[in-house]
């Protein structure tokens, strides 16, 4: 799992040359959040060119090891793209999957 190094500074993961094939319509993230801090926990997804795909607040799961699925829907796009995933607050990310249809 990954988490921002400091809860008050967003953590950014960059995935280069992701092949989304004919199109991805959503991301399913497996996240955990023990408790909200001063900064609300959230995830945001952007393409490498800055295009905003979507964002979502992360629900409290009660433990840093108790994960829940979070779905972020976005407009259809396709092809090979860079993807930026921003984690804000004390959120932990265990997994990300991309789905069609």
N, C-alpha and C. Protein backbone atom coordinates (compact mmCIF):
# COMPACT_ATOMS: atom_id res chain seq x y z
N UNK A 1 0.85 -1.18 0.00
CA UNK A 1 0.00 0.00 0.00
C UNK A 1 0.89 1.24 0.00
N UNK A 2 0.32 2.33 -0.51
CA UNK A 2 1.02 3.61 -0.51
C UNK A 2 0.17 4.64 0.19
N UNK A 3 0.82 5.64 0.75
CA UNK A 3 0.16 6.74 1.42
C UNK A 3 1.06 7.96 1.28
N UNK A 4 0.51 9.18 1.32
CA UNK A 4 1.37 10.36 1.25
C UNK A 4 2.38 10.34 2.41
N UNK A 5 3.57 10.85 2.15
CA UNK A 5 4.62 10.88 3.17
C UNK A 5 4.21 11.74 4.36
N UNK A 6 3.49 12.82 4.09
CA UNK A 6 2.98 13.70 5.14
C UNK A 6 1.50 13.97 4.84
N UNK A 7 0.62 13.81 5.82
CA UNK A 7 -0.81 13.96 5.56
C UNK A 7 -1.21 15.34 5.04
N UNK A 8 -0.40 16.37 5.32
CA UNK A 8 -0.74 17.71 4.88
C UNK A 8 -0.18 18.05 3.49
N UNK A 9 0.52 17.10 2.87
CA UNK A 9 1.06 17.30 1.53
C UNK A 9 0.56 16.18 0.62
N UNK A 10 -0.12 16.52 -0.48
CA UNK A 10 -0.62 15.47 -1.37
C UNK A 10 0.51 14.60 -1.92
N UNK A 11 0.21 13.32 -2.08
CA UNK A 11 1.14 12.39 -2.71
C UNK A 11 0.67 12.14 -4.13
N UNK A 12 1.60 12.11 -5.08
CA UNK A 12 1.24 11.93 -6.48
C UNK A 12 1.95 10.70 -7.04
N UNK A 13 1.17 9.79 -7.62
CA UNK A 13 1.71 8.64 -8.31
C UNK A 13 1.55 8.90 -9.80
N UNK A 14 2.60 8.66 -10.58
CA UNK A 14 2.55 8.87 -12.02
C UNK A 14 2.76 7.53 -12.71
N UNK A 15 1.81 7.17 -13.56
CA UNK A 15 1.89 5.94 -14.34
C UNK A 15 2.06 6.35 -15.80
N UNK A 16 3.19 6.00 -16.39
CA UNK A 16 3.50 6.42 -17.76
C UNK A 16 3.08 5.36 -18.78
N UNK A 17 2.59 5.83 -19.91
CA UNK A 17 2.25 4.98 -21.04
C UNK A 17 1.28 3.85 -20.70
N UNK A 18 0.20 4.18 -19.99
CA UNK A 18 -0.85 3.20 -19.68
C UNK A 18 -1.67 2.96 -20.94
N UNK A 19 -1.89 1.72 -21.29
CA UNK A 19 -2.68 1.39 -22.48
C UNK A 19 -4.12 1.11 -22.05
N UNK A 20 -5.01 2.06 -22.31
CA UNK A 20 -6.42 1.91 -21.95
C UNK A 20 -7.22 1.26 -23.06
N UNK A 21 -6.55 0.80 -24.12
CA UNK A 21 -7.23 0.10 -25.20
C UNK A 21 -8.35 0.92 -25.80
N UNK A 22 -9.49 0.27 -26.08
CA UNK A 22 -10.60 0.98 -26.70
C UNK A 22 -11.33 1.93 -25.74
N UNK A 23 -11.00 1.89 -24.47
CA UNK A 23 -11.61 2.85 -23.55
C UNK A 23 -11.81 2.32 -22.15
N UNK A 24 -11.60 3.18 -21.18
CA UNK A 24 -11.88 2.88 -19.78
C UNK A 24 -12.87 3.92 -19.29
N UNK A 25 -13.88 3.49 -18.54
CA UNK A 25 -14.93 4.40 -18.09
C UNK A 25 -14.91 4.66 -16.59
N UNK A 26 -14.09 3.92 -15.87
CA UNK A 26 -14.03 4.14 -14.43
C UNK A 26 -12.78 3.49 -13.85
N UNK A 27 -12.44 3.96 -12.66
CA UNK A 27 -11.37 3.35 -11.88
C UNK A 27 -11.97 2.84 -10.59
N UNK A 28 -11.55 1.68 -10.17
CA UNK A 28 -11.95 1.13 -8.88
C UNK A 28 -10.69 1.08 -8.02
N UNK A 29 -10.72 1.81 -6.93
CA UNK A 29 -9.57 1.90 -6.04
C UNK A 29 -9.88 1.20 -4.73
N UNK A 30 -8.89 0.54 -4.17
CA UNK A 30 -9.04 -0.11 -2.85
C UNK A 30 -8.30 0.78 -1.86
N UNK A 31 -9.06 1.42 -0.96
CA UNK A 31 -8.50 2.45 -0.08
C UNK A 31 -8.84 2.16 1.38
N UNK A 32 -8.05 2.75 2.26
CA UNK A 32 -8.32 2.65 3.70
C UNK A 32 -8.08 4.02 4.33
N UNK A 33 -8.85 4.30 5.36
CA UNK A 33 -8.71 5.56 6.11
C UNK A 33 -9.14 5.29 7.54
N UNK A 34 -8.17 5.36 8.46
CA UNK A 34 -8.48 5.09 9.86
C UNK A 34 -9.43 6.14 10.42
N UNK A 35 -9.10 7.41 10.22
CA UNK A 35 -9.96 8.51 10.66
C UNK A 35 -9.59 9.76 9.88
N UNK A 36 -10.56 10.65 9.69
CA UNK A 36 -10.27 11.91 9.01
C UNK A 36 -9.40 12.78 9.89
N UNK A 37 -8.47 13.45 9.27
CA UNK A 37 -7.62 14.39 9.99
C UNK A 37 -8.08 15.80 9.68
N UNK A 38 -7.16 16.74 9.80
CA UNK A 38 -7.47 18.13 9.50
C UNK A 38 -7.73 18.34 8.01
N UNK A 39 -7.14 17.50 7.19
CA UNK A 39 -7.30 17.59 5.74
C UNK A 39 -8.16 16.42 5.29
N UNK A 40 -9.29 16.68 4.64
CA UNK A 40 -10.15 15.58 4.19
C UNK A 40 -9.41 14.64 3.23
N UNK A 41 -9.60 13.36 3.39
CA UNK A 41 -8.96 12.37 2.54
C UNK A 41 -9.70 12.28 1.21
N UNK A 42 -8.93 12.28 0.11
CA UNK A 42 -9.54 12.22 -1.22
C UNK A 42 -8.54 11.63 -2.21
N UNK A 43 -9.08 11.19 -3.34
CA UNK A 43 -8.25 10.75 -4.47
C UNK A 43 -8.71 11.53 -5.69
N UNK A 44 -7.77 11.83 -6.58
CA UNK A 44 -8.08 12.52 -7.82
C UNK A 44 -7.27 11.88 -8.94
N UNK A 45 -7.87 11.77 -10.11
CA UNK A 45 -7.21 11.18 -11.28
C UNK A 45 -7.18 12.20 -12.41
N UNK A 46 -6.01 12.34 -13.02
CA UNK A 46 -5.81 13.25 -14.14
C UNK A 46 -5.00 12.53 -15.22
N UNK A 47 -5.24 12.90 -16.46
CA UNK A 47 -4.35 12.45 -17.53
C UNK A 47 -3.07 13.26 -17.44
N UNK A 48 -2.03 12.79 -18.10
CA UNK A 48 -0.74 13.46 -18.07
C UNK A 48 -0.78 14.88 -18.59
N UNK A 49 -1.75 15.19 -19.49
CA UNK A 49 -1.86 16.55 -20.03
C UNK A 49 -2.65 17.48 -19.13
N UNK A 50 -3.07 16.99 -17.95
CA UNK A 50 -3.81 17.81 -17.00
C UNK A 50 -5.32 17.65 -17.04
N UNK A 51 -5.83 16.91 -18.03
CA UNK A 51 -7.27 16.68 -18.12
C UNK A 51 -7.77 15.97 -16.86
N UNK A 52 -8.75 16.57 -16.21
CA UNK A 52 -9.32 15.99 -14.99
C UNK A 52 -10.24 14.84 -15.37
N UNK A 53 -9.99 13.68 -14.79
CA UNK A 53 -10.85 12.52 -15.02
C UNK A 53 -11.92 12.40 -13.95
N UNK A 54 -11.55 12.61 -12.72
CA UNK A 54 -12.52 12.49 -11.64
C UNK A 54 -11.85 12.54 -10.28
N UNK A 55 -12.66 12.69 -9.25
CA UNK A 55 -12.16 12.74 -7.88
C UNK A 55 -13.25 12.20 -6.96
N UNK A 56 -12.84 11.77 -5.77
CA UNK A 56 -13.80 11.26 -4.80
C UNK A 56 -13.24 11.39 -3.39
N UNK A 57 -14.13 11.64 -2.45
CA UNK A 57 -13.75 11.63 -1.04
C UNK A 57 -13.58 10.18 -0.60
N UNK A 58 -12.65 9.95 0.29
CA UNK A 58 -12.39 8.60 0.80
C UNK A 58 -13.16 8.42 2.11
N UNK A 59 -13.99 7.37 2.21
CA UNK A 59 -14.75 7.15 3.45
C UNK A 59 -13.87 6.57 4.55
N UNK A 60 -14.21 6.88 5.77
CA UNK A 60 -13.51 6.30 6.92
C UNK A 60 -13.82 4.82 6.97
N UNK A 61 -12.76 3.99 7.05
CA UNK A 61 -12.94 2.54 7.14
C UNK A 61 -12.68 2.02 8.54
N UNK A 62 -12.15 2.87 9.43
CA UNK A 62 -11.95 2.49 10.82
C UNK A 62 -10.59 1.94 11.15
N UNK A 63 -9.81 1.58 10.15
CA UNK A 63 -8.47 1.04 10.37
C UNK A 63 -7.63 1.29 9.12
N UNK A 64 -6.36 1.50 9.31
CA UNK A 64 -5.48 1.68 8.15
C UNK A 64 -5.32 0.39 7.36
N UNK A 65 -5.78 -0.73 7.92
CA UNK A 65 -5.70 -2.02 7.23
C UNK A 65 -7.07 -2.56 6.82
N UNK A 66 -8.11 -1.78 7.03
CA UNK A 66 -9.46 -2.16 6.64
C UNK A 66 -9.80 -1.41 5.36
N UNK A 67 -9.78 -2.13 4.23
CA UNK A 67 -9.94 -1.49 2.92
C UNK A 67 -11.37 -1.55 2.42
N UNK A 68 -11.71 -0.56 1.60
CA UNK A 68 -13.02 -0.50 0.94
C UNK A 68 -12.80 -0.11 -0.51
N UNK A 69 -13.71 -0.54 -1.38
CA UNK A 69 -13.65 -0.16 -2.79
C UNK A 69 -14.27 1.21 -2.98
N UNK A 70 -13.63 2.01 -3.80
CA UNK A 70 -14.10 3.34 -4.15
C UNK A 70 -14.08 3.44 -5.67
N UNK A 71 -15.19 3.83 -6.27
CA UNK A 71 -15.27 3.92 -7.72
C UNK A 71 -15.29 5.37 -8.16
N UNK A 72 -14.47 5.67 -9.17
CA UNK A 72 -14.43 7.01 -9.76
C UNK A 72 -14.78 6.85 -11.24
N UNK A 73 -15.94 7.40 -11.63
CA UNK A 73 -16.36 7.36 -13.04
C UNK A 73 -15.77 8.57 -13.76
N UNK A 74 -15.54 8.40 -15.07
CA UNK A 74 -15.01 9.51 -15.86
C UNK A 74 -15.49 9.42 -17.29
N UNK A 75 -15.30 10.51 -18.07
CA UNK A 75 -15.67 10.47 -19.49
C UNK A 75 -14.82 9.44 -20.23
N UNK A 76 -15.39 8.84 -21.25
CA UNK A 76 -14.67 7.83 -22.03
C UNK A 76 -13.45 8.44 -22.71
N UNK A 77 -12.35 7.71 -22.70
CA UNK A 77 -11.16 8.05 -23.46
C UNK A 77 -10.46 6.74 -23.77
N UNK A 78 -9.53 6.76 -24.68
CA UNK A 78 -8.87 5.52 -25.08
C UNK A 78 -7.42 5.79 -25.43
N UNK A 79 -6.71 4.71 -25.73
CA UNK A 79 -5.33 4.82 -26.18
C UNK A 79 -4.32 4.75 -25.06
N UNK A 80 -3.09 5.08 -25.42
CA UNK A 80 -1.97 5.06 -24.48
C UNK A 80 -1.81 6.46 -23.89
N UNK A 81 -1.90 6.55 -22.59
CA UNK A 81 -1.86 7.84 -21.89
C UNK A 81 -1.07 7.73 -20.60
N UNK A 82 -0.54 8.87 -20.17
CA UNK A 82 0.02 8.96 -18.82
C UNK A 82 -1.12 9.26 -17.86
N UNK A 83 -1.03 8.74 -16.64
CA UNK A 83 -2.06 8.93 -15.63
C UNK A 83 -1.42 9.41 -14.34
N UNK A 84 -2.04 10.42 -13.73
CA UNK A 84 -1.58 10.93 -12.43
C UNK A 84 -2.67 10.65 -11.40
N UNK A 85 -2.29 10.06 -10.30
CA UNK A 85 -3.20 9.75 -9.20
C UNK A 85 -2.72 10.53 -7.98
N UNK A 86 -3.57 11.42 -7.47
CA UNK A 86 -3.21 12.25 -6.32
C UNK A 86 -3.96 11.77 -5.09
N UNK A 87 -3.22 11.54 -4.01
CA UNK A 87 -3.78 11.13 -2.72
C UNK A 87 -3.66 12.31 -1.77
N UNK A 88 -4.76 12.72 -1.17
CA UNK A 88 -4.76 13.84 -0.23
C UNK A 88 -5.23 13.34 1.13
N UNK A 89 -4.53 13.77 2.18
CA UNK A 89 -4.87 13.34 3.53
C UNK A 89 -4.26 11.99 3.85
N UNK A 90 -4.64 11.41 4.99
CA UNK A 90 -4.02 10.16 5.46
C UNK A 90 -4.58 8.89 4.83
N UNK A 91 -4.93 8.94 3.56
CA UNK A 91 -5.50 7.79 2.86
C UNK A 91 -4.41 6.79 2.49
N UNK A 92 -4.75 5.51 2.49
CA UNK A 92 -3.86 4.45 2.01
C UNK A 92 -4.49 3.83 0.76
N UNK A 93 -3.69 3.65 -0.27
CA UNK A 93 -4.14 3.03 -1.51
C UNK A 93 -3.46 1.69 -1.66
N UNK A 94 -4.28 0.66 -1.85
CA UNK A 94 -3.76 -0.69 -1.98
C UNK A 94 -3.76 -1.16 -3.43
N UNK A 95 -4.75 -0.71 -4.22
CA UNK A 95 -4.93 -1.24 -5.56
C UNK A 95 -5.74 -0.28 -6.40
N UNK A 96 -5.49 -0.30 -7.71
CA UNK A 96 -6.32 0.44 -8.65
C UNK A 96 -6.56 -0.44 -9.88
N UNK A 97 -7.82 -0.53 -10.30
CA UNK A 97 -8.22 -1.28 -11.48
C UNK A 97 -9.00 -0.36 -12.39
N UNK A 98 -8.94 -0.62 -13.68
CA UNK A 98 -9.69 0.16 -14.66
C UNK A 98 -10.74 -0.73 -15.29
N UNK A 99 -11.94 -0.18 -15.49
CA UNK A 99 -13.05 -0.96 -15.99
C UNK A 99 -13.71 -0.29 -17.17
N UNK A 100 -14.30 -1.11 -18.03
CA UNK A 100 -15.08 -0.64 -19.17
C UNK A 100 -16.52 -1.03 -18.96
N UNK A 101 -17.41 -0.29 -19.61
CA UNK A 101 -18.82 -0.66 -19.66
C UNK A 101 -19.57 -0.75 -18.39
